[in-house]
């Protein structure tokens, strides 16, 4: 498989964040996170650019959209993971992104990572 992909996970609900990270790790990816707020997510992104990001729309200190825009501008595929917004609402705003509704089955999370990485 060559180089393992780095997946950044931002999720403000601790249990869900841990579950997500565990799912991603089990599938053989390197996980950064879970980050609970925008500032720590932004810091992690700037320090070590991930190959892909799974972002909760609403983090502890605000909406993740500005950060998502920056990631997409730097060619990092984004998968939104939200309980508040429907995937259709998210995709309307970010046509190139994938969106999952919470709670999301692990197989669907992995499937979306694979789709996002083969997308570009």
PDB file of N, CA and C in Angstrom:
ATOM      1  N   UNK A   1       0.826  -1.200   0.000  1.00  0.00           N
ATOM      2  CA  UNK A   1       0.000   0.000   0.000  1.00  0.00           C
ATOM      3  C   UNK A   1       0.868   1.261   0.000  1.00  0.00           C
ATOM      4  N   UNK A   2       2.148   1.100   0.265  1.00  0.00           N
ATOM      5  CA  UNK A   2       3.028   2.275   0.244  1.00  0.00           C
ATOM      6  C   UNK A   2       2.780   3.162   1.444  1.00  0.00           C
ATOM      7  N   UNK A   3       2.712   4.449   1.201  1.00  0.00           N
ATOM      8  CA  UNK A   3       2.583   5.394   2.299  1.00  0.00           C
ATOM      9  C   UNK A   3       1.176   5.393   2.885  1.00  0.00           C
ATOM     10  N   UNK A   4       1.125   5.372   4.211  1.00  0.00           N
ATOM     11  CA  UNK A   4      -0.191   5.411   4.859  1.00  0.00           C
ATOM     12  C   UNK A   4      -0.692   6.839   4.894  1.00  0.00           C
ATOM     13  N   UNK A   5      -1.980   6.986   4.650  1.00  0.00           N
ATOM     14  CA  UNK A   5      -2.572   8.321   4.629  1.00  0.00           C
ATOM     15  C   UNK A   5      -2.803   8.845   6.036  1.00  0.00           C
ATOM     16  N   UNK A   6      -2.624  10.154   6.187  1.00  0.00           N
ATOM     17  CA  UNK A   6      -2.906  10.824   7.460  1.00  0.00           C
ATOM     18  C   UNK A   6      -4.306  11.400   7.408  1.00  0.00           C
ATOM     19  N   UNK A   7      -5.111  11.088   8.412  1.00  0.00           N
ATOM     20  CA  UNK A   7      -6.486  11.578   8.469  1.00  0.00           C
ATOM     21  C   UNK A   7      -6.647  12.450   9.713  1.00  0.00           C
ATOM     22  N   UNK A   8      -7.035  13.698   9.504  1.00  0.00           N
ATOM     23  CA  UNK A   8      -7.272  14.598  10.626  1.00  0.00           C
ATOM     24  C   UNK A   8      -8.745  14.509  11.018  1.00  0.00           C
ATOM     25  N   UNK A   9      -9.013  14.344  12.307  1.00  0.00           N
ATOM     26  CA  UNK A   9     -10.392  14.224  12.786  1.00  0.00           C
ATOM     27  C   UNK A   9     -10.714  15.365  13.752  1.00  0.00           C
ATOM     28  N   UNK A  10     -11.754  16.127  13.417  1.00  0.00           N
ATOM     29  CA  UNK A  10     -12.220  17.202  14.301  1.00  0.00           C
ATOM     30  C   UNK A  10     -13.657  16.888  14.704  1.00  0.00           C
ATOM     31  N   UNK A  11     -13.865  16.743  15.997  1.00  0.00           N
ATOM     32  CA  UNK A  11     -15.184  16.327  16.516  1.00  0.00           C
ATOM     33  C   UNK A  11     -15.279  16.778  17.964  1.00  0.00           C
ATOM     34  N   UNK A  12     -16.313  17.572  18.301  1.00  0.00           N
ATOM     35  CA  UNK A  12     -16.372  18.104  19.666  1.00  0.00           C
ATOM     36  C   UNK A  12     -17.045  17.186  20.680  1.00  0.00           C
ATOM     37  N   UNK A  13     -17.674  16.115  20.203  1.00  0.00           N
ATOM     38  CA  UNK A  13     -18.228  15.158  21.164  1.00  0.00           C
ATOM     39  C   UNK A  13     -17.200  14.059  21.366  1.00  0.00           C
ATOM     40  N   UNK A  14     -16.655  14.007  22.570  1.00  0.00           N
ATOM     41  CA  UNK A  14     -15.503  13.155  22.861  1.00  0.00           C
ATOM     42  C   UNK A  14     -15.699  11.694  22.442  1.00  0.00           C
ATOM     43  N   UNK A  15     -16.832  11.119  22.827  1.00  0.00           N
ATOM     44  CA  UNK A  15     -17.080   9.705  22.537  1.00  0.00           C
ATOM     45  C   UNK A  15     -17.095   9.451  21.023  1.00  0.00           C
ATOM     46  N   UNK A  16     -17.815  10.325  20.300  1.00  0.00           N
ATOM     47  CA  UNK A  16     -17.900  10.167  18.844  1.00  0.00           C
ATOM     48  C   UNK A  16     -16.518  10.348  18.227  1.00  0.00           C
ATOM     49  N   UNK A  17     -15.781  11.334  18.720  1.00  0.00           N
ATOM     50  CA  UNK A  17     -14.428  11.575  18.215  1.00  0.00           C
ATOM     51  C   UNK A  17     -13.537  10.361  18.391  1.00  0.00           C
ATOM     52  N   UNK A  18     -13.611   9.750  19.565  1.00  0.00           N
ATOM     53  CA  UNK A  18     -12.792   8.556  19.835  1.00  0.00           C
ATOM     54  C   UNK A  18     -13.203   7.397  18.933  1.00  0.00           C
ATOM     55  N   UNK A  19     -14.502   7.220  18.782  1.00  0.00           N
ATOM     56  CA  UNK A  19     -15.017   6.168  17.896  1.00  0.00           C
ATOM     57  C   UNK A  19     -14.512   6.348  16.470  1.00  0.00           C
ATOM     58  N   UNK A  20     -14.621   7.588  15.991  1.00  0.00           N
ATOM     59  CA  UNK A  20     -14.189   7.899  14.630  1.00  0.00           C
ATOM     60  C   UNK A  20     -12.707   7.597  14.449  1.00  0.00           C
ATOM     61  N   UNK A  21     -11.902   8.064  15.401  1.00  0.00           N
ATOM     62  CA  UNK A  21     -10.455   7.848  15.320  1.00  0.00           C
ATOM     63  C   UNK A  21     -10.131   6.362  15.333  1.00  0.00           C
ATOM     64  N   UNK A  22     -10.849   5.622  16.173  1.00  0.00           N
ATOM     65  CA  UNK A  22     -10.633   4.184  16.286  1.00  0.00           C
ATOM     66  C   UNK A  22     -10.963   3.504  14.948  1.00  0.00           C
ATOM     67  N   UNK A  23     -12.081   3.882  14.362  1.00  0.00           N
ATOM     68  CA  UNK A  23     -12.512   3.326  13.077  1.00  0.00           C
ATOM     69  C   UNK A  23     -11.463   3.569  12.005  1.00  0.00           C
ATOM     70  N   UNK A  24     -10.975   4.801  11.950  1.00  0.00           N
ATOM     71  CA  UNK A  24     -10.004   5.192  10.929  1.00  0.00           C
ATOM     72  C   UNK A  24      -8.680   4.448  11.132  1.00  0.00           C
ATOM     73  N   UNK A  25      -8.271   4.328  12.400  1.00  0.00           N
ATOM     74  CA  UNK A  25      -7.023   3.627  12.732  1.00  0.00           C
ATOM     75  C   UNK A  25      -7.102   2.148  12.378  1.00  0.00           C
ATOM     76  N   UNK A  26      -8.239   1.543  12.719  1.00  0.00           N
ATOM     77  CA  UNK A  26      -8.452   0.122  12.423  1.00  0.00           C
ATOM     78  C   UNK A  26      -8.308  -0.165  10.934  1.00  0.00           C
ATOM     79  N   UNK A  27      -8.674   0.827  10.115  1.00  0.00           N
ATOM     80  CA  UNK A  27      -8.621   0.650   8.660  1.00  0.00           C
ATOM     81  C   UNK A  27      -7.208   0.878   8.125  1.00  0.00           C
ATOM     82  N   UNK A  28      -6.278   1.196   9.020  1.00  0.00           N
ATOM     83  CA  UNK A  28      -4.890   1.296   8.597  1.00  0.00           C
ATOM     84  C   UNK A  28      -4.386   2.697   8.283  1.00  0.00           C
ATOM     85  N   UNK A  29      -5.177   3.706   8.654  1.00  0.00           N
ATOM     86  CA  UNK A  29      -4.733   5.076   8.414  1.00  0.00           C
ATOM     87  C   UNK A  29      -4.052   5.645   9.657  1.00  0.00           C
ATOM     88  N   UNK A  30      -3.267   6.697   9.459  1.00  0.00           N
ATOM     89  CA  UNK A  30      -2.659   7.411  10.586  1.00  0.00           C
ATOM     90  C   UNK A  30      -3.641   8.495  11.004  1.00  0.00           C
ATOM     91  N   UNK A  31      -3.943   8.571  12.295  1.00  0.00           N
ATOM     92  CA  UNK A  31      -4.956   9.520  12.764  1.00  0.00           C
ATOM     93  C   UNK A  31      -4.338  10.696  13.509  1.00  0.00           C
ATOM     94  N   UNK A  32      -4.817  11.877  13.193  1.00  0.00           N
ATOM     95  CA  UNK A  32      -4.493  13.086  13.964  1.00  0.00           C
ATOM     96  C   UNK A  32      -5.796  13.502  14.635  1.00  0.00           C
ATOM     97  N   UNK A  33      -5.808  13.555  15.955  1.00  0.00           N
ATOM     98  CA  UNK A  33      -7.049  13.973  16.616  1.00  0.00           C
ATOM     99  C   UNK A  33      -7.528  12.930  17.610  1.00  0.00           C
ATOM    100  N   UNK A  34      -8.749  13.046  18.102  1.00  0.00           N
ATOM    101  CA  UNK A  34      -9.753  14.039  17.699  1.00  0.00           C
ATOM    102  C   UNK A  34      -9.507  15.423  18.314  1.00  0.00           C
ATOM    103  N   UNK A  35      -9.729  16.461  17.517  1.00  0.00           N
ATOM    104  CA  UNK A  35      -9.614  17.834  17.992  1.00  0.00           C
ATOM    105  C   UNK A  35     -11.019  18.349  18.271  1.00  0.00           C
ATOM    106  N   UNK A  36     -11.164  19.050  19.409  1.00  0.00           N
ATOM    107  CA  UNK A  36     -12.508  19.450  19.829  1.00  0.00           C
ATOM    108  C   UNK A  36     -12.867  20.876  19.452  1.00  0.00           C
ATOM    109  N   UNK A  37     -11.876  21.679  19.059  1.00  0.00           N
ATOM    110  CA  UNK A  37     -12.199  23.056  18.700  1.00  0.00           C
ATOM    111  C   UNK A  37     -11.428  23.507  17.463  1.00  0.00           C
ATOM    112  N   UNK A  38     -11.851  24.637  16.930  1.00  0.00           N
ATOM    113  CA  UNK A  38     -11.259  25.156  15.703  1.00  0.00           C
ATOM    114  C   UNK A  38      -9.784  25.466  15.851  1.00  0.00           C
ATOM    115  N   UNK A  39      -9.420  26.079  16.976  1.00  0.00           N
ATOM    116  CA  UNK A  39      -8.032  26.506  17.121  1.00  0.00           C
ATOM    117  C   UNK A  39      -7.064  25.321  17.117  1.00  0.00           C
ATOM    118  N   UNK A  40      -7.402  24.253  17.837  1.00  0.00           N
ATOM    119  CA  UNK A  40      -6.487  23.106  17.838  1.00  0.00           C
ATOM    120  C   UNK A  40      -6.489  22.384  16.491  1.00  0.00           C
ATOM    121  N   UNK A  41      -7.646  22.360  15.816  1.00  0.00           N
ATOM    122  CA  UNK A  41      -7.728  21.733  14.500  1.00  0.00           C
ATOM    123  C   UNK A  41      -6.876  22.511  13.507  1.00  0.00           C
ATOM    124  N   UNK A  42      -6.997  23.828  13.541  1.00  0.00           N
ATOM    125  CA  UNK A  42      -6.248  24.713  12.653  1.00  0.00           C
ATOM    126  C   UNK A  42      -4.743  24.545  12.872  1.00  0.00           C
ATOM    127  N   UNK A  43      -4.350  24.486  14.137  1.00  0.00           N
ATOM    128  CA  UNK A  43      -2.943  24.326  14.495  1.00  0.00           C
ATOM    129  C   UNK A  43      -2.389  23.018  13.943  1.00  0.00           C
ATOM    130  N   UNK A  44      -3.147  21.949  14.152  1.00  0.00           N
ATOM    131  CA  UNK A  44      -2.717  20.626  13.685  1.00  0.00           C
ATOM    132  C   UNK A  44      -2.598  20.612  12.159  1.00  0.00           C
ATOM    133  N   UNK A  45      -3.540  21.275  11.503  1.00  0.00           N
ATOM    134  CA  UNK A  45      -3.549  21.323  10.045  1.00  0.00           C
ATOM    135  C   UNK A  45      -2.325  22.067   9.519  1.00  0.00           C
ATOM    136  N   UNK A  46      -1.995  23.186  10.169  1.00  0.00           N
ATOM    137  CA  UNK A  46      -0.858  23.982   9.713  1.00  0.00           C
ATOM    138  C   UNK A  46       0.474  23.297  10.003  1.00  0.00           C
ATOM    139  N   UNK A  47       0.513  22.586  11.121  1.00  0.00           N
ATOM    140  CA  UNK A  47       1.755  21.933  11.535  1.00  0.00           C
ATOM    141  C   UNK A  47       2.086  20.733  10.652  1.00  0.00           C
ATOM    142  N   UNK A  48       1.071  19.977  10.327  1.00  0.00           N
ATOM    143  CA  UNK A  48       1.295  18.738   9.603  1.00  0.00           C
ATOM    144  C   UNK A  48       0.107  18.476   8.694  1.00  0.00           C
ATOM    145  N   UNK A  49       0.187  18.951   7.461  1.00  0.00           N
ATOM    146  CA  UNK A  49      -0.964  18.881   6.557  1.00  0.00           C
ATOM    147  C   UNK A  49      -1.397  17.432   6.348  1.00  0.00           C
ATOM    148  N   UNK A  50      -2.668  17.138   6.643  1.00  0.00           N
ATOM    149  CA  UNK A  50      -3.146  15.761   6.476  1.00  0.00           C
ATOM    150  C   UNK A  50      -3.460  15.460   5.009  1.00  0.00           C
ATOM    151  N   UNK A  51      -3.689  14.197   4.708  1.00  0.00           N
ATOM    152  CA  UNK A  51      -4.095  13.810   3.359  1.00  0.00           C
ATOM    153  C   UNK A  51      -5.595  13.979   3.194  1.00  0.00           C
ATOM    154  N   UNK A  52      -6.280  13.950   4.312  1.00  0.00           N
ATOM    155  CA  UNK A  52      -7.738  14.034   4.274  1.00  0.00           C
ATOM    156  C   UNK A  52      -8.227  14.504   5.648  1.00  0.00           C
ATOM    157  N   UNK A  53      -9.389  15.151   5.691  1.00  0.00           N
ATOM    158  CA  UNK A  53      -9.910  15.625   6.977  1.00  0.00           C
ATOM    159  C   UNK A  53     -11.370  15.233   7.142  1.00  0.00           C
ATOM    160  N   UNK A  54     -11.695  14.754   8.346  1.00  0.00           N
ATOM    161  CA  UNK A  54     -13.090  14.482   8.695  1.00  0.00           C
ATOM    162  C   UNK A  54     -13.471  15.547   9.719  1.00  0.00           C
ATOM    163  N   UNK A  55     -14.412  16.406   9.353  1.00  0.00           N
ATOM    164  CA  UNK A  55     -14.734  17.556  10.187  1.00  0.00           C
ATOM    165  C   UNK A  55     -16.187  17.567  10.633  1.00  0.00           C
ATOM    166  N   UNK A  56     -16.372  17.732  11.935  1.00  0.00           N
ATOM    167  CA  UNK A  56     -17.712  17.989  12.451  1.00  0.00           C
ATOM    168  C   UNK A  56     -18.021  19.431  12.063  1.00  0.00           C
ATOM    169  N   UNK A  57     -19.233  19.713  11.616  1.00  0.00           N
ATOM    170  CA  UNK A  57     -19.563  21.063  11.161  1.00  0.00           C
ATOM    171  C   UNK A  57     -19.490  22.061  12.316  1.00  0.00           C
ATOM    172  N   UNK A  58     -20.009  21.654  13.482  1.00  0.00           N
ATOM    173  CA  UNK A  58     -20.052  22.554  14.632  1.00  0.00           C
ATOM    174  C   UNK A  58     -19.057  22.088  15.679  1.00  0.00           C
ATOM    175  N   UNK A  59     -17.970  22.840  15.858  1.00  0.00           N
ATOM    176  CA  UNK A  59     -17.004  22.499  16.906  1.00  0.00           C
ATOM    177  C   UNK A  59     -17.274  23.359  18.139  1.00  0.00           C
ATOM    178  N   UNK A  60     -16.497  23.137  19.200  1.00  0.00           N
ATOM    179  CA  UNK A  60     -16.748  23.832  20.466  1.00  0.00           C
ATOM    180  C   UNK A  60     -16.774  25.346  20.327  1.00  0.00           C
ATOM    181  N   UNK A  61     -15.867  25.870  19.491  1.00  0.00           N
ATOM    182  CA  UNK A  61     -15.770  27.339  19.409  1.00  0.00           C
ATOM    183  C   UNK A  61     -16.241  27.900  18.073  1.00  0.00           C
ATOM    184  N   UNK A  62     -17.101  27.162  17.379  1.00  0.00           N
ATOM    185  CA  UNK A  62     -17.666  27.734  16.164  1.00  0.00           C
ATOM    186  C   UNK A  62     -17.835  26.755  15.020  1.00  0.00           C
ATOM    187  N   UNK A  63     -18.258  27.313  13.889  1.00  0.00           N
ATOM    188  CA  UNK A  63     -18.521  26.525  12.682  1.00  0.00           C
ATOM    189  C   UNK A  63     -17.225  26.288  11.930  1.00  0.00           C
ATOM    190  N   UNK A  64     -17.069  25.125  11.374  1.00  0.00           N
ATOM    191  CA  UNK A  64     -15.813  24.696  10.772  1.00  0.00           C
ATOM    192  C   UNK A  64     -15.624  25.181   9.318  1.00  0.00           C
ATOM    193  N   UNK A  65     -16.650  25.816   8.742  1.00  0.00           N
ATOM    194  CA  UNK A  65     -16.583  26.164   7.316  1.00  0.00           C
ATOM    195  C   UNK A  65     -15.349  26.957   6.854  1.00  0.00           C
ATOM    196  N   UNK A  66     -14.944  28.024   7.572  1.00  0.00           N
ATOM    197  CA  UNK A  66     -13.771  28.769   7.090  1.00  0.00           C
ATOM    198  C   UNK A  66     -12.520  27.888   7.006  1.00  0.00           C
ATOM    199  N   UNK A  67     -12.355  27.021   8.001  1.00  0.00           N
ATOM    200  CA  UNK A  67     -11.214  26.108   7.996  1.00  0.00           C
ATOM    201  C   UNK A  67     -11.344  25.105   6.857  1.00  0.00           C
ATOM    202  N   UNK A  68     -12.556  24.613   6.640  1.00  0.00           N
ATOM    203  CA  UNK A  68     -12.792  23.663   5.551  1.00  0.00           C
ATOM    204  C   UNK A  68     -12.449  24.304   4.208  1.00  0.00           C
ATOM    205  N   UNK A  69     -12.815  25.569   4.053  1.00  0.00           N
ATOM    206  CA  UNK A  69     -12.510  26.278   2.805  1.00  0.00           C
ATOM    207  C   UNK A  69     -11.012  26.337   2.581  1.00  0.00           C
ATOM    208  N   UNK A  70     -10.274  26.599   3.652  1.00  0.00           N
ATOM    209  CA  UNK A  70      -8.812  26.667   3.558  1.00  0.00           C
ATOM    210  C   UNK A  70      -8.231  25.304   3.176  1.00  0.00           C
ATOM    211  N   UNK A  71      -8.745  24.244   3.795  1.00  0.00           N
ATOM    212  CA  UNK A  71      -8.258  22.892   3.498  1.00  0.00           C
ATOM    213  C   UNK A  71      -8.509  22.544   2.031  1.00  0.00           C
ATOM    214  N   UNK A  72      -9.732  22.827   1.576  1.00  0.00           N
ATOM    215  CA  UNK A  72     -10.087  22.511   0.192  1.00  0.00           C
ATOM    216  C   UNK A  72      -9.208  23.315  -0.772  1.00  0.00           C
ATOM    217  N   UNK A  73      -8.933  24.572  -0.409  1.00  0.00           N
ATOM    218  CA  UNK A  73      -8.066  25.418  -1.244  1.00  0.00           C
ATOM    219  C   UNK A  73      -6.662  24.829  -1.342  1.00  0.00           C
ATOM    220  N   UNK A  74      -6.247  24.099  -0.303  1.00  0.00           N
ATOM    221  CA  UNK A  74      -4.919  23.471  -0.310  1.00  0.00           C
ATOM    222  C   UNK A  74      -4.994  22.002  -0.738  1.00  0.00           C
ATOM    223  N   UNK A  75      -6.069  21.667  -1.411  1.00  0.00           N
ATOM    224  CA  UNK A  75      -6.241  20.318  -1.975  1.00  0.00           C
ATOM    225  C   UNK A  75      -6.297  19.183  -0.964  1.00  0.00           C
ATOM    226  N   UNK A  76      -6.798  19.480   0.225  1.00  0.00           N
ATOM    227  CA  UNK A  76      -7.029  18.418   1.205  1.00  0.00           C
ATOM    228  C   UNK A  76      -8.512  18.062   1.117  1.00  0.00           C
ATOM    229  N   UNK A  77      -8.840  16.817   0.723  1.00  0.00           N
ATOM    230  CA  UNK A  77     -10.254  16.444   0.648  1.00  0.00           C
ATOM    231  C   UNK A  77     -10.897  16.502   2.034  1.00  0.00           C
ATOM    232  N   UNK A  78     -12.131  16.991   2.077  1.00  0.00           N
ATOM    233  CA  UNK A  78     -12.837  17.142   3.344  1.00  0.00           C
ATOM    234  C   UNK A  78     -14.091  16.264   3.347  1.00  0.00           C
ATOM    235  N   UNK A  79     -14.287  15.571   4.459  1.00  0.00           N
ATOM    236  CA  UNK A  79     -15.525  14.826   4.685  1.00  0.00           C
ATOM    237  C   UNK A  79     -16.194  15.481   5.890  1.00  0.00           C
ATOM    238  N   UNK A  80     -17.385  16.025   5.691  1.00  0.00           N
ATOM    239  CA  UNK A  80     -18.108  16.622   6.815  1.00  0.00           C
ATOM    240  C   UNK A  80     -18.883  15.535   7.531  1.00  0.00           C
ATOM    241  N   UNK A  81     -18.979  15.697   8.858  1.00  0.00           N
ATOM    242  CA  UNK A  81     -19.627  14.696   9.691  1.00  0.00           C
ATOM    243  C   UNK A  81     -20.504  15.497  10.640  1.00  0.00           C
ATOM    244  N   UNK A  82     -21.810  15.495  10.408  1.00  0.00           N
ATOM    245  CA  UNK A  82     -22.625  16.419  11.176  1.00  0.00           C
ATOM    246  C   UNK A  82     -23.938  15.852  11.675  1.00  0.00           C
ATOM    247  N   UNK A  83     -24.313  16.291  12.858  1.00  0.00           N
ATOM    248  CA  UNK A  83     -25.613  15.935  13.397  1.00  0.00           C
ATOM    249  C   UNK A  83     -26.618  17.055  13.148  1.00  0.00           C
ATOM    250  N   UNK A  84     -26.109  18.295  12.937  1.00  0.00           N
ATOM    251  CA  UNK A  84     -26.999  19.448  12.784  1.00  0.00           C
ATOM    252  C   UNK A  84     -27.462  19.643  11.339  1.00  0.00           C
ATOM    253  N   UNK A  85     -26.527  19.553  10.414  1.00  0.00           N
ATOM    254  CA  UNK A  85     -26.829  19.821   9.011  1.00  0.00           C
ATOM    255  C   UNK A  85     -27.052  18.506   8.267  1.00  0.00           C
ATOM    256  N   UNK A  86     -27.900  18.525   7.260  1.00  0.00           N
ATOM    257  CA  UNK A  86     -28.046  17.318   6.448  1.00  0.00           C
ATOM    258  C   UNK A  86     -26.908  17.302   5.426  1.00  0.00           C
ATOM    259  N   UNK A  87     -26.505  16.109   4.995  1.00  0.00           N
ATOM    260  CA  UNK A  87     -25.464  16.046   3.968  1.00  0.00           C
ATOM    261  C   UNK A  87     -25.786  16.913   2.748  1.00  0.00           C
ATOM    262  N   UNK A  88     -27.067  16.978   2.376  1.00  0.00           N
ATOM    263  CA  UNK A  88     -27.445  17.786   1.205  1.00  0.00           C
ATOM    264  C   UNK A  88     -27.140  19.270   1.422  1.00  0.00           C
ATOM    265  N   UNK A  89     -27.387  19.761   2.644  1.00  0.00           N
ATOM    266  CA  UNK A  89     -27.112  21.170   2.945  1.00  0.00           C
ATOM    267  C   UNK A  89     -25.622  21.461   2.856  1.00  0.00           C
ATOM    268  N   UNK A  90     -24.827  20.542   3.389  1.00  0.00           N
ATOM    269  CA  UNK A  90     -23.378  20.719   3.389  1.00  0.00           C
ATOM    270  C   UNK A  90     -22.843  20.703   1.955  1.00  0.00           C
ATOM    271  N   UNK A  91     -23.300  19.749   1.162  1.00  0.00           N
ATOM    272  CA  UNK A  91     -22.806  19.600  -0.206  1.00  0.00           C
ATOM    273  C   UNK A  91     -23.233  20.784  -1.083  1.00  0.00           C
ATOM    274  N   UNK A  92     -24.353  21.389  -0.746  1.00  0.00           N
ATOM    275  CA  UNK A  92     -24.760  22.593  -1.483  1.00  0.00           C
ATOM    276  C   UNK A  92     -23.703  23.681  -1.326  1.00  0.00           C
ATOM    277  N   UNK A  93     -23.171  23.778  -0.124  1.00  0.00           N
ATOM    278  CA  UNK A  93     -22.165  24.807   0.133  1.00  0.00           C
ATOM    279  C   UNK A  93     -20.777  24.384  -0.342  1.00  0.00           C
ATOM    280  N   UNK A  94     -20.474  23.091  -0.207  1.00  0.00           N
ATOM    281  CA  UNK A  94     -19.168  22.562  -0.609  1.00  0.00           C
ATOM    282  C   UNK A  94     -19.364  21.421  -1.600  1.00  0.00           C
ATOM    283  N   UNK A  95     -19.554  21.743  -2.873  1.00  0.00           N
ATOM    284  CA  UNK A  95     -19.863  20.697  -3.860  1.00  0.00           C
ATOM    285  C   UNK A  95     -18.787  19.624  -3.980  1.00  0.00           C
ATOM    286  N   UNK A  96     -17.532  19.974  -3.667  1.00  0.00           N
ATOM    287  CA  UNK A  96     -16.468  18.986  -3.843  1.00  0.00           C
ATOM    288  C   UNK A  96     -16.299  18.071  -2.628  1.00  0.00           C
ATOM    289  N   UNK A  97     -16.980  18.399  -1.528  1.00  0.00           N
ATOM    290  CA  UNK A  97     -16.794  17.623  -0.294  1.00  0.00           C
ATOM    291  C   UNK A  97     -17.793  16.470  -0.196  1.00  0.00           C
ATOM    292  N   UNK A  98     -17.462  15.529   0.667  1.00  0.00           N
ATOM    293  CA  UNK A  98     -18.397  14.452   0.992  1.00  0.00           C
ATOM    294  C   UNK A  98     -19.018  14.807   2.342  1.00  0.00           C
ATOM    295  N   UNK A  99     -20.221  14.319   2.594  1.00  0.00           N
ATOM    296  CA  UNK A  99     -20.863  14.615   3.875  1.00  0.00           C
ATOM    297  C   UNK A  99     -21.546  13.381   4.429  1.00  0.00           C
ATOM    298  N   UNK A 100     -21.366  13.168   5.717  1.00  0.00           N
ATOM    299  CA  UNK A 100     -21.974  12.030   6.410  1.00  0.00           C
ATOM    300  C   UNK A 100     -22.871  12.564   7.519  1.00  0.00           C
ATOM    301  N   UNK A 101     -23.981  11.877   7.752  1.00  0.00           N
ATOM    302  CA  UNK A 101     -24.847  12.262   8.866  1.00  0.00           C
ATOM    303  C   UNK A 101     -24.439  11.439  10.086  1.00  0.00           C
ATOM    304  N   UNK A 102     -24.518  12.062  11.261  1.00  0.00           N
ATOM    305  CA  UNK A 102     -24.245  11.333  12.505  1.00  0.00           C
ATOM    306  C   UNK A 102     -25.526  10.665  12.956  1.00  0.00           C
ATOM    307  N   UNK A 103     -25.456   9.539  13.604  1.00  0.00           N
ATOM    308  CA  UNK A 103     -24.274   8.680  13.731  1.00  0.00           C
ATOM    309  C   UNK A 103     -24.030   7.938  12.424  1.00  0.00           C
ATOM    310  N   UNK A 104     -22.773   7.714  12.128  1.00  0.00           N
ATOM    311  CA  UNK A 104     -22.431   7.106  10.849  1.00  0.00           C
ATOM    312  C   UNK A 104     -21.781   5.746  11.072  1.00  0.00           C
ATOM    313  N   UNK A 105     -22.255   4.710  10.383  1.00  0.00           N
ATOM    314  CA  UNK A 105     -21.645   3.388  10.545  1.00  0.00           C
ATOM    315  C   UNK A 105     -20.180   3.407  10.107  1.00  0.00           C
ATOM    316  N   UNK A 106     -19.310   2.712  10.845  1.00  0.00           N
ATOM    317  CA  UNK A 106     -17.882   2.705  10.516  1.00  0.00           C
ATOM    318  C   UNK A 106     -17.583   2.381   9.048  1.00  0.00           C
ATOM    319  N   UNK A 107     -18.307   1.423   8.484  1.00  0.00           N
ATOM    320  CA  UNK A 107     -18.033   1.036   7.095  1.00  0.00           C
ATOM    321  C   UNK A 107     -18.254   2.218   6.153  1.00  0.00           C
ATOM    322  N   UNK A 108     -19.239   3.036   6.471  1.00  0.00           N
ATOM    323  CA  UNK A 108     -19.542   4.195   5.632  1.00  0.00           C
ATOM    324  C   UNK A 108     -18.443   5.252   5.754  1.00  0.00           C
ATOM    325  N   UNK A 109     -17.890   5.398   6.962  1.00  0.00           N
ATOM    326  CA  UNK A 109     -16.788   6.346   7.180  1.00  0.00           C
ATOM    327  C   UNK A 109     -15.598   5.940   6.315  1.00  0.00           C
ATOM    328  N   UNK A 110     -15.236   4.664   6.374  1.00  0.00           N
ATOM    329  CA  UNK A 110     -14.086   4.163   5.612  1.00  0.00           C
ATOM    330  C   UNK A 110     -14.343   4.286   4.116  1.00  0.00           C
ATOM    331  N   UNK A 111     -15.555   3.960   3.715  1.00  0.00           N
ATOM    332  CA  UNK A 111     -15.921   4.067   2.306  1.00  0.00           C
ATOM    333  C   UNK A 111     -15.757   5.512   1.821  1.00  0.00           C
ATOM    334  N   UNK A 112     -16.178   6.465   2.637  1.00  0.00           N
ATOM    335  CA  UNK A 112     -16.069   7.861   2.210  1.00  0.00           C
ATOM    336  C   UNK A 112     -14.613   8.324   2.156  1.00  0.00           C
ATOM    337  N   UNK A 113     -13.760   7.802   3.054  1.00  0.00           N
ATOM    338  CA  UNK A 113     -12.331   8.127   2.987  1.00  0.00           C
ATOM    339  C   UNK A 113     -11.759   7.606   1.667  1.00  0.00           C
ATOM    340  N   UNK A 114     -12.113   6.389   1.325  1.00  0.00           N
ATOM    341  CA  UNK A 114     -11.607   5.808   0.081  1.00  0.00           C
ATOM    342  C   UNK A 114     -12.114   6.571  -1.135  1.00  0.00           C
ATOM    343  N   UNK A 115     -13.391   6.968  -1.104  1.00  0.00           N
ATOM    344  CA  UNK A 115     -13.941   7.743  -2.224  1.00  0.00           C
ATOM    345  C   UNK A 115     -13.248   9.094  -2.331  1.00  0.00           C
ATOM    346  N   UNK A 116     -13.018   9.727  -1.187  1.00  0.00           N
ATOM    347  CA  UNK A 116     -12.403  11.069  -1.193  1.00  0.00           C
ATOM    348  C   UNK A 116     -10.964  11.017  -1.702  1.00  0.00           C
ATOM    349  N   UNK A 117     -10.247   9.959  -1.356  1.00  0.00           N
ATOM    350  CA  UNK A 117      -8.847   9.899  -1.775  1.00  0.00           C
ATOM    351  C   UNK A 117      -8.695   9.548  -3.243  1.00  0.00           C
ATOM    352  N   UNK A 118      -9.671   8.865  -3.809  1.00  0.00           N
ATOM    353  CA  UNK A 118      -9.565   8.533  -5.236  1.00  0.00           C
ATOM    354  C   UNK A 118     -10.253   9.569  -6.094  1.00  0.00           C
ATOM    355  N   UNK A 119     -10.872  10.517  -5.431  1.00  0.00           N
ATOM    356  CA  UNK A 119     -11.647  11.577  -6.080  1.00  0.00           C
ATOM    357  C   UNK A 119     -10.762  12.437  -6.981  1.00  0.00           C
ATOM    358  N   UNK A 120      -9.633  12.922  -6.396  1.00  0.00           N
ATOM    359  CA  UNK A 120      -8.765  13.819  -7.138  1.00  0.00           C
ATOM    360  C   UNK A 120      -7.979  13.013  -8.107  1.00  0.00           C
TER     361      UNK A 120
END
